[in-house]
Amino acid sequence: MSARSGRRVDRLIQRYAPDTSIKELERQNNLAPGALSNHLKPASRGRFPRQPILERFAAVLRAPLREVTAAFAADAGLALVADPLPAHAQQVLDDYLALDTKDQALARAILHTIRHRPEPDQHST
């Protein structure tokens, strides 16, 4: 791990939560102590966290998940090769990921209903 590890994540946090400590972000979001800060300790720097951790940072910072993921990936020395989603699709994904499990299931059911609704009768007036 280089001395530069963590710089992208630090900049991301400063951008979305300027002048707010990690401990304060944990308190403001009713998270257990260490829910965020444990992933920013020197021993954890340069590691790529699991998806729920990335989602937690995105929710707390109110930052796009893609941006949070990219920051942690860069600090871990990983290159993301996927094409970015269009902004409107990323917004839908971010909104979906901000929902709790029950509401995610409801959102999927609603989208399924919309996608599979019958075509309107072309001959009706």
Protein backbone atom coordinates (compact mmCIF):
# COMPACT_ATOMS: atom_id res chain seq x y z
CA MET A 1 0.00 0.00 0.00
CA SER A 2 1.40 3.34 -0.98
CA ALA A 3 1.35 6.56 0.99
CA ARG A 4 -1.23 7.76 -1.54
CA SER A 5 -3.76 5.05 -0.65
CA GLY A 6 -7.08 6.53 0.31
CA ARG A 7 -6.64 9.86 -1.41
CA ARG A 8 -9.60 9.48 -3.79
CA VAL A 9 -11.91 8.34 -1.00
CA ASP A 10 -10.75 11.24 1.18
CA ARG A 11 -11.47 13.72 -1.63
CA LEU A 12 -14.87 12.14 -2.19
CA ILE A 13 -15.77 12.51 1.50
CA GLN A 14 -14.53 16.09 1.58
CA ARG A 15 -16.55 16.91 -1.54
CA TYR A 16 -19.85 15.49 -0.27
CA ALA A 17 -19.46 16.12 3.47
CA PRO A 18 -17.14 19.09 3.85
CA ASP A 19 -16.12 19.93 7.39
CA THR A 20 -17.91 16.84 8.78
CA SER A 21 -15.96 14.09 10.50
CA ILE A 22 -16.59 10.43 9.77
CA LYS A 23 -17.66 9.93 13.38
CA GLU A 24 -20.19 12.74 13.00
CA LEU A 25 -21.51 11.20 9.76
CA GLU A 26 -21.95 7.91 11.60
CA ARG A 27 -23.86 9.68 14.41
CA GLN A 28 -26.03 11.71 12.01
CA ASN A 29 -27.01 8.54 10.16
CA ASN A 30 -27.64 6.41 13.25
CA LEU A 31 -24.80 4.06 12.37
CA ALA A 32 -22.78 2.12 14.88
CA PRO A 33 -19.36 3.60 15.64
CA GLY A 34 -16.95 2.21 13.08
CA ALA A 35 -19.60 1.49 10.42
CA LEU A 36 -17.72 3.88 8.13
CA SER A 37 -14.52 4.70 10.00
CA ASN A 38 -13.33 1.09 10.18
CA HIS A 39 -13.05 1.12 6.38
CA LEU A 40 -10.89 4.24 6.47
CA LYS A 41 -8.30 3.05 9.00
CA PRO A 42 -4.74 2.69 7.71
CA ALA A 43 -4.96 -1.12 7.90
CA SER A 44 -8.04 -1.07 5.63
CA ARG A 45 -6.86 1.56 3.18
CA GLY A 46 -6.29 0.25 -0.30
CA ARG A 47 -8.79 -2.59 0.12
CA PHE A 48 -11.91 -2.68 -1.99
CA PRO A 49 -14.98 -3.01 0.28
CA ARG A 50 -17.96 -5.24 -0.33
CA GLN A 51 -21.08 -3.88 -2.04
CA PRO A 52 -23.09 -3.16 1.15
CA ILE A 53 -20.23 -1.00 2.44
CA LEU A 54 -20.06 0.95 -0.82
CA GLU A 55 -23.83 1.43 -0.67
CA ARG A 56 -23.55 2.63 2.94
CA PHE A 57 -20.96 5.26 1.99
CA ALA A 58 -23.10 6.36 -0.99
CA ALA A 59 -26.20 6.71 1.18
CA VAL A 60 -24.44 8.59 3.98
CA LEU A 61 -22.63 10.92 1.60
CA ARG A 62 -25.63 11.23 -0.70
CA ALA A 63 -23.20 10.54 -3.51
CA PRO A 64 -23.73 8.43 -6.61
CA LEU A 65 -22.82 4.80 -5.97
CA ARG A 66 -20.74 4.77 -9.15
CA GLU A 67 -18.62 7.64 -7.84
CA VAL A 68 -18.12 5.99 -4.46
CA THR A 69 -17.20 2.71 -6.15
CA ALA A 70 -14.78 4.45 -8.49
CA ALA A 71 -13.02 6.21 -5.58
CA PHE A 72 -12.55 3.00 -3.58
CA ALA A 73 -11.49 1.13 -6.73
CA ALA A 74 -8.89 3.76 -7.60
CA ASP A 75 -7.46 3.67 -4.08
CA ALA A 76 -7.29 -0.13 -4.30
CA GLY A 77 -5.46 0.08 -7.63
CA LEU A 78 -8.39 -1.41 -9.54
CA ALA A 79 -9.48 -0.22 -12.95
CA LEU A 80 -13.21 -0.12 -13.63
CA VAL A 81 -13.85 -1.11 -17.22
CA ALA A 82 -17.63 -0.89 -17.45
CA ASP A 83 -19.11 1.93 -19.48
CA PRO A 84 -20.84 4.44 -17.25
CA LEU A 85 -24.61 4.42 -17.21
CA PRO A 86 -26.45 7.39 -18.67
CA ALA A 87 -27.25 9.91 -15.94
CA HIS A 88 -30.97 9.07 -15.87
CA ALA A 89 -30.26 5.34 -15.52
CA GLN A 90 -27.69 5.98 -12.79
CA GLN A 91 -30.27 8.08 -10.92
CA VAL A 92 -32.80 5.23 -11.07
CA LEU A 93 -30.16 2.81 -9.79
CA ASP A 94 -29.06 5.14 -6.99
CA ASP A 95 -32.69 5.69 -5.96
CA TYR A 96 -33.33 1.94 -5.97
CA LEU A 97 -30.24 1.20 -3.89
CA ALA A 98 -31.28 3.84 -1.34
CA LEU A 99 -34.49 1.88 -0.65
CA ASP A 100 -34.78 -0.74 2.06
CA THR A 101 -35.18 -4.39 1.01
CA LYS A 102 -38.98 -4.34 1.20
CA ASP A 103 -39.25 -1.23 -0.96
CA GLN A 104 -36.73 -2.63 -3.45
CA ALA A 105 -39.03 -5.64 -3.91
CA LEU A 106 -41.98 -3.29 -4.43
CA ALA A 107 -40.00 -1.23 -6.97
CA ARG A 108 -39.12 -4.40 -8.91
CA ALA A 109 -42.77 -5.47 -8.93
CA ILE A 110 -43.87 -2.06 -10.20
CA LEU A 111 -41.28 -2.10 -12.99
CA HIS A 112 -42.30 -5.65 -13.92
CA THR A 113 -45.95 -4.56 -14.13
CA ILE A 114 -45.06 -1.60 -16.32
CA ARG A 115 -42.89 -3.69 -18.65
CA HIS A 116 -45.52 -6.42 -19.05
CA ARG A 117 -48.70 -4.38 -19.32
CA PRO A 118 -50.82 -5.19 -22.36
CA GLU A 119 -50.36 -3.07 -25.43
CA PRO A 120 -53.20 -0.60 -25.93
CA ASP A 121 -55.70 -1.69 -28.55
CA GLN A 122 -54.83 0.25 -31.71
CA HIS A 123 -58.44 0.12 -32.95
CA SER A 124 -60.09 1.57 -29.81
CA THR A 125 -61.26 5.14 -29.74
